[in-house]
């Protein structure tokens, strides 16, 4: 299992526009990427300009597919002028734990 975290920082006054694009991405991933196990968007409580994706994939093939999709390219191309800093992406491997039962 591979986890991806992606942190986005909107420019002041652009958070609503970025949020709309990021929410659209969630819909596209859920509709078009059956191998994606989780794709959740979060927004900061204290900093409304900060957005955070938590993503779960079974393997690198699913991640490569995600990066090759038209909706991924469309998101990257549509955020110019909306983000205050480069998107910070981290790939992580699950070591222990998981959903509490």
C-alpha atoms as a PDB file:
ATOM      1  CA  UNK A   1       0.000   0.000   0.000  1.00  0.00           C
ATOM      2  CA  UNK A   2       1.316   3.420  -0.958  1.00  0.00           C
ATOM      3  CA  UNK A   3       0.089   6.667   0.557  1.00  0.00           C
ATOM      4  CA  UNK A   4       0.441  10.027  -1.132  1.00  0.00           C
ATOM      5  CA  UNK A   5      -0.014  13.318   0.648  1.00  0.00           C
ATOM      6  CA  UNK A   6      -0.226  16.499  -1.396  1.00  0.00           C
ATOM      7  CA  UNK A   7      -0.372  19.921   0.228  1.00  0.00           C
ATOM      8  CA  UNK A   8      -1.656  22.875  -1.788  1.00  0.00           C
ATOM      9  CA  UNK A   9      -1.497  26.518  -0.678  1.00  0.00           C
ATOM     10  CA  UNK A  10      -3.876  28.927  -2.424  1.00  0.00           C
ATOM     11  CA  UNK A  11      -3.043  32.577  -2.905  1.00  0.00           C
ATOM     12  CA  UNK A  12      -5.095  34.853  -0.652  1.00  0.00           C
ATOM     13  CA  UNK A  13      -8.444  35.490  -2.296  1.00  0.00           C
ATOM     14  CA  UNK A  14      -8.075  32.448  -4.584  1.00  0.00           C
ATOM     15  CA  UNK A  15      -9.018  29.749  -2.066  1.00  0.00           C
ATOM     16  CA  UNK A  16     -12.626  29.355  -3.297  1.00  0.00           C
ATOM     17  CA  UNK A  17     -11.482  28.934  -6.905  1.00  0.00           C
ATOM     18  CA  UNK A  18      -8.799  26.410  -5.983  1.00  0.00           C
ATOM     19  CA  UNK A  19     -11.206  24.532  -3.713  1.00  0.00           C
ATOM     20  CA  UNK A  20     -13.685  24.170  -6.594  1.00  0.00           C
ATOM     21  CA  UNK A  21     -10.979  22.708  -8.867  1.00  0.00           C
ATOM     22  CA  UNK A  22      -9.721  20.328  -6.181  1.00  0.00           C
ATOM     23  CA  UNK A  23     -13.255  19.119  -5.398  1.00  0.00           C
ATOM     24  CA  UNK A  24     -13.790  18.441  -9.112  1.00  0.00           C
ATOM     25  CA  UNK A  25     -10.611  16.357  -9.052  1.00  0.00           C
ATOM     26  CA  UNK A  26     -12.030  14.191  -6.257  1.00  0.00           C
ATOM     27  CA  UNK A  27     -15.119  13.471  -8.357  1.00  0.00           C
ATOM     28  CA  UNK A  28     -13.016  12.596 -11.428  1.00  0.00           C
ATOM     29  CA  UNK A  29     -10.718  10.269  -9.482  1.00  0.00           C
ATOM     30  CA  UNK A  30     -13.624   8.481  -7.824  1.00  0.00           C
ATOM     31  CA  UNK A  31     -15.369   8.072 -11.177  1.00  0.00           C
ATOM     32  CA  UNK A  32     -12.383   7.125 -13.370  1.00  0.00           C
ATOM     33  CA  UNK A  33      -9.747   5.453 -11.206  1.00  0.00           C
ATOM     34  CA  UNK A  34     -11.025   2.150  -9.801  1.00  0.00           C
ATOM     35  CA  UNK A  35      -7.603   1.231  -8.382  1.00  0.00           C
ATOM     36  CA  UNK A  36      -7.446   4.353  -6.215  1.00  0.00           C
ATOM     37  CA  UNK A  37      -8.461   3.164  -2.730  1.00  0.00           C
ATOM     38  CA  UNK A  38      -8.919   6.610  -1.165  1.00  0.00           C
ATOM     39  CA  UNK A  39      -8.734  10.182  -2.408  1.00  0.00           C
ATOM     40  CA  UNK A  40      -9.782  12.627   0.275  1.00  0.00           C
ATOM     41  CA  UNK A  41      -9.542  16.428   0.206  1.00  0.00           C
ATOM     42  CA  UNK A  42      -9.136  18.410   3.434  1.00  0.00           C
ATOM     43  CA  UNK A  43      -9.036  22.169   4.117  1.00  0.00           C
ATOM     44  CA  UNK A  44      -7.216  23.840   6.986  1.00  0.00           C
ATOM     45  CA  UNK A  45      -9.325  25.015   9.906  1.00  0.00           C
ATOM     46  CA  UNK A  46      -6.909  27.791  10.846  1.00  0.00           C
ATOM     47  CA  UNK A  47      -5.521  28.464   7.377  1.00  0.00           C
ATOM     48  CA  UNK A  48      -8.345  28.269   4.820  1.00  0.00           C
ATOM     49  CA  UNK A  49      -5.780  28.691   2.022  1.00  0.00           C
ATOM     50  CA  UNK A  50      -4.213  25.290   2.822  1.00  0.00           C
ATOM     51  CA  UNK A  51      -5.601  22.144   1.184  1.00  0.00           C
ATOM     52  CA  UNK A  52      -4.414  18.608   1.765  1.00  0.00           C
ATOM     53  CA  UNK A  53      -5.034  15.425  -0.229  1.00  0.00           C
ATOM     54  CA  UNK A  54      -4.723  12.009   1.407  1.00  0.00           C
ATOM     55  CA  UNK A  55      -4.486   9.297  -1.232  1.00  0.00           C
ATOM     56  CA  UNK A  56      -4.153   5.500  -0.989  1.00  0.00           C
ATOM     57  CA  UNK A  57      -3.073   3.252  -3.837  1.00  0.00           C
ATOM     58  CA  UNK A  58      -2.302  -0.474  -3.973  1.00  0.00           C
ATOM     59  CA  UNK A  59       0.892  -0.026  -6.016  1.00  0.00           C
ATOM     60  CA  UNK A  60       2.985   2.266  -8.226  1.00  0.00           C
ATOM     61  CA  UNK A  61       1.053   1.206 -11.344  1.00  0.00           C
ATOM     62  CA  UNK A  62      -2.087   2.817  -9.932  1.00  0.00           C
ATOM     63  CA  UNK A  63      -0.114   5.991  -9.150  1.00  0.00           C
ATOM     64  CA  UNK A  64       1.351   6.113 -12.649  1.00  0.00           C
ATOM     65  CA  UNK A  65      -2.134   5.697 -14.086  1.00  0.00           C
ATOM     66  CA  UNK A  66      -3.385   8.551 -11.865  1.00  0.00           C
ATOM     67  CA  UNK A  67      -0.618  10.847 -13.123  1.00  0.00           C
ATOM     68  CA  UNK A  68      -1.394   9.958 -16.753  1.00  0.00           C
ATOM     69  CA  UNK A  69      -5.098  10.840 -16.660  1.00  0.00           C
ATOM     70  CA  UNK A  70      -6.616  13.818 -18.481  1.00  0.00           C
ATOM     71  CA  UNK A  71      -8.151  15.104 -15.241  1.00  0.00           C
ATOM     72  CA  UNK A  72      -4.710  15.140 -13.551  1.00  0.00           C
ATOM     73  CA  UNK A  73      -3.243  17.165 -16.435  1.00  0.00           C
ATOM     74  CA  UNK A  74      -6.262  19.476 -16.470  1.00  0.00           C
ATOM     75  CA  UNK A  75      -5.867  20.201 -12.757  1.00  0.00           C
ATOM     76  CA  UNK A  76      -2.163  20.983 -13.039  1.00  0.00           C
ATOM     77  CA  UNK A  77      -2.772  23.243 -16.055  1.00  0.00           C
ATOM     78  CA  UNK A  78      -5.671  25.111 -14.438  1.00  0.00           C
ATOM     79  CA  UNK A  79      -3.977  26.103 -11.169  1.00  0.00           C
ATOM     80  CA  UNK A  80      -1.520  28.611 -12.612  1.00  0.00           C
ATOM     81  CA  UNK A  81      -1.956  31.885 -10.758  1.00  0.00           C
ATOM     82  CA  UNK A  82      -3.965  30.236  -7.972  1.00  0.00           C
ATOM     83  CA  UNK A  83      -1.264  28.689  -5.801  1.00  0.00           C
ATOM     84  CA  UNK A  84       1.096  30.551  -3.487  1.00  0.00           C
ATOM     85  CA  UNK A  85       3.841  27.925  -3.406  1.00  0.00           C
ATOM     86  CA  UNK A  86       4.773  24.689  -5.152  1.00  0.00           C
ATOM     87  CA  UNK A  87       2.597  21.706  -4.265  1.00  0.00           C
ATOM     88  CA  UNK A  88       4.349  19.505  -1.696  1.00  0.00           C
ATOM     89  CA  UNK A  89       3.925  15.808  -2.505  1.00  0.00           C
ATOM     90  CA  UNK A  90       5.145  12.936  -0.352  1.00  0.00           C
ATOM     91  CA  UNK A  91       5.006   9.201  -1.047  1.00  0.00           C
ATOM     92  CA  UNK A  92       4.767   7.016   2.051  1.00  0.00           C
ATOM     93  CA  UNK A  93       4.605   3.314   2.759  1.00  0.00           C
ATOM     94  CA  UNK A  94       2.294   1.924   5.431  1.00  0.00           C
ATOM     95  CA  UNK A  95       4.378   0.360   8.193  1.00  0.00           C
ATOM     96  CA  UNK A  96       1.855  -0.520  10.881  1.00  0.00           C
ATOM     97  CA  UNK A  97      -1.802  -0.019  11.753  1.00  0.00           C
ATOM     98  CA  UNK A  98      -4.740   0.992   9.691  1.00  0.00           C
ATOM     99  CA  UNK A  99      -8.426   1.459  10.186  1.00  0.00           C
ATOM    100  CA  UNK A 100      -9.596   0.814  13.713  1.00  0.00           C
ATOM    101  CA  UNK A 101     -12.232  -1.913  13.894  1.00  0.00           C
END
